Structures are given as structure tokens and as C-alpha cells.
């Protein structure tokens, strides 16, 4: 099956996550990818780790024969993300420290995560999906 992907921002996240949760049972893997926003002048993320990891993650997920759902959660621009009080930094469900962060989400809990320095490593992505 094709990769099912939905996007959210800080403002829309709760509503998108609710819909994502309601459809989770239909998928073999449910993943949340926290990413930096794109710079409007370049159409690339302001985060070099995100630029490196995104194509690898999408390639691996699209190649999966299983039903995979991906919620892409955009953290905002650099000053927004750098704020120590950013909602996802202080949210006890996620405790984000960096982007990109790829999370395996099952039964309302994190069952695995890859953080900024490892989110582009193919074998680790494979392990997270399986």
C-alpha cells in the first residue's frame, strides 16, 4: 500500500493527531516525523539534518510493503524551535530535543525513536518500521 502522509503545524497538531490516532489500527506502523519548517526563499528546510534525513526516510517508507502512516509535524522556523518553551519540547509525550525526530507511535506511546544525528541511517529506519 502507498505511504499515507498527513502534515501538521504546532497550531493544527492536536486535531491532526486525533484523526491520526483514529486510523492507527489500520496500519502496520504509525510514525511521527518532527521536522523544521521550509525556508520560503529556498524551499529547503533551515535544518541541515532534516535536509539530509527527509529523502532517506521517505524512500524507506515508500518502499515498505506494509501499510505505513506518517504524520509530519513541522516545528516552525529556527527562532520558534529554539525557544526552550516550544510546545513539543515541553510536551511530556514527546520531549523533543532536536529535529528531525522520527517516532514509532503505538497505543498512545513512543515505541521507538530516531533523533537528529541518526534519523537518516537506513538500517535504523528499517528497524523502527519492523
Protein backbone atom coordinates (compact mmCIF):
# COMPACT_ATOMS: atom_id res chain seq x y z
CA UNK A 1 0.00 0.00 0.00
CA UNK A 2 1.14 3.53 -0.53
CA UNK A 3 2.51 5.62 2.26
CA UNK A 4 -0.22 7.64 3.96
CA UNK A 5 1.09 11.06 4.90
CA UNK A 6 -0.52 13.97 6.75
CA UNK A 7 1.01 17.28 7.80
CA UNK A 8 0.56 19.35 10.94
CA UNK A 9 1.91 22.53 12.46
CA UNK A 10 2.04 23.41 16.14
CA UNK A 11 -1.38 25.08 15.74
CA UNK A 12 -3.07 22.16 13.93
CA UNK A 13 -1.26 19.27 15.63
CA UNK A 14 -3.87 18.21 18.21
CA UNK A 15 -6.64 17.90 15.63
CA UNK A 16 -4.42 16.09 13.12
CA UNK A 17 -3.09 13.75 15.83
CA UNK A 18 -6.66 12.89 16.86
CA UNK A 19 -7.51 11.82 13.28
CA UNK A 20 -4.15 10.00 13.02
CA UNK A 21 -4.97 8.08 16.22
CA UNK A 22 -8.43 7.13 14.97
CA UNK A 23 -6.91 5.48 11.88
CA UNK A 24 -3.88 3.91 13.60
CA UNK A 25 -5.33 0.41 13.87
CA UNK A 26 -5.46 0.21 10.06
CA UNK A 27 -1.68 0.49 9.73
CA UNK A 28 1.25 -1.78 10.46
CA UNK A 29 3.33 1.22 11.51
CA UNK A 30 2.36 4.71 12.65
CA UNK A 31 5.18 7.21 12.63
CA UNK A 32 5.50 10.85 13.60
CA UNK A 33 8.30 12.85 12.00
CA UNK A 34 9.12 16.16 13.66
CA UNK A 35 10.75 18.48 11.13
CA UNK A 36 11.93 22.04 10.74
CA UNK A 37 9.86 24.27 8.50
CA UNK A 38 10.95 25.02 4.96
CA UNK A 39 12.64 28.35 4.23
CA UNK A 40 10.28 30.10 1.76
CA UNK A 41 13.23 31.58 -0.16
CA UNK A 42 14.87 28.20 -0.86
CA UNK A 43 12.04 25.65 -0.37
CA UNK A 44 14.51 23.70 1.77
CA UNK A 45 14.41 23.14 5.48
CA UNK A 46 16.50 25.52 7.58
CA UNK A 47 17.78 22.39 9.37
CA UNK A 48 20.66 20.60 7.60
CA UNK A 49 19.91 17.31 9.40
CA UNK A 50 16.31 17.47 8.10
CA UNK A 51 17.53 18.10 4.54
CA UNK A 52 19.75 15.02 4.85
CA UNK A 53 17.21 12.74 6.55
CA UNK A 54 13.93 13.52 4.78
CA UNK A 55 14.67 11.90 1.39
CA UNK A 56 16.09 8.78 3.06
CA UNK A 57 13.07 8.42 5.36
CA UNK A 58 10.56 8.89 2.51
CA UNK A 59 12.41 6.41 0.29
CA UNK A 60 12.41 3.76 3.01
CA UNK A 61 8.75 4.28 3.94
CA UNK A 62 7.57 4.31 0.32
CA UNK A 63 9.46 1.06 -0.32
CA UNK A 64 7.73 -0.70 2.57
CA UNK A 65 5.18 -3.31 1.56
CA UNK A 66 3.23 -2.67 4.76
CA UNK A 67 0.65 0.00 5.46
CA UNK A 68 2.59 2.88 6.97
CA UNK A 69 1.14 6.18 8.15
CA UNK A 70 3.36 9.22 8.64
CA UNK A 71 2.38 12.38 10.44
CA UNK A 72 4.82 15.14 9.54
CA UNK A 73 4.85 17.71 12.35
CA UNK A 74 6.57 20.98 11.44
CA UNK A 75 8.17 22.71 14.44
CA UNK A 76 8.36 26.19 12.92
CA UNK A 77 11.17 28.49 11.91
CA UNK A 78 14.53 28.47 13.69
CA UNK A 79 13.69 31.13 16.35
CA UNK A 80 10.39 29.37 17.14
CA UNK A 81 12.12 26.00 17.53
CA UNK A 82 14.98 27.44 19.61
CA UNK A 83 12.53 28.67 22.27
CA UNK A 84 13.00 26.38 25.32
CA UNK A 85 9.23 26.62 25.86
CA UNK A 86 8.38 25.28 22.39
CA UNK A 87 5.23 23.16 22.88
CA UNK A 88 6.87 19.92 21.73
CA UNK A 89 9.99 20.47 23.82
CA UNK A 90 7.87 20.65 26.98
CA UNK A 91 5.22 18.06 25.96
CA UNK A 92 5.91 15.01 28.13
CA UNK A 93 4.60 12.73 25.37
CA UNK A 94 7.46 13.71 23.05
CA UNK A 95 10.25 15.52 24.97
CA UNK A 96 11.80 16.71 21.73
CA UNK A 97 15.38 17.89 21.88
CA UNK A 98 16.18 18.06 18.16
CA UNK A 99 14.89 17.78 14.64
CA UNK A 100 14.44 15.65 12.74
CA UNK A 101 12.99 13.14 15.20
CA UNK A 102 11.21 10.07 13.83
CA UNK A 103 8.94 8.33 16.35
CA UNK A 104 7.13 4.99 16.20
CA UNK A 105 3.77 5.72 17.85
CA UNK A 106 1.70 2.80 19.17
CA UNK A 107 -1.03 2.65 21.79
CA UNK A 108 -0.58 6.32 22.73
CA UNK A 109 3.11 5.82 23.44
CA UNK A 110 6.52 6.04 21.83
CA UNK A 111 7.75 2.56 20.92
CA UNK A 112 10.99 3.75 19.34
CA UNK A 113 12.68 6.94 18.15
CA UNK A 114 15.47 8.14 15.92
CA UNK A 115 16.83 11.59 16.65
CA UNK A 116 18.62 14.18 14.55
CA UNK A 117 22.04 12.51 14.24
CA UNK A 118 20.63 9.07 13.32
CA UNK A 119 17.34 9.78 11.53
CA UNK A 120 19.00 9.32 8.12
CA UNK A 121 20.51 5.87 8.84
CA UNK A 122 18.67 3.37 6.64
CA UNK A 123 19.15 0.28 8.83
CA UNK A 124 17.84 2.18 11.86
CA UNK A 125 14.78 3.34 9.89
CA UNK A 126 14.17 -0.28 8.82
CA UNK A 127 14.41 -1.45 12.43
CA UNK A 128 11.97 1.21 13.57
CA UNK A 129 9.39 0.23 10.92
CA UNK A 130 9.56 -3.52 11.59
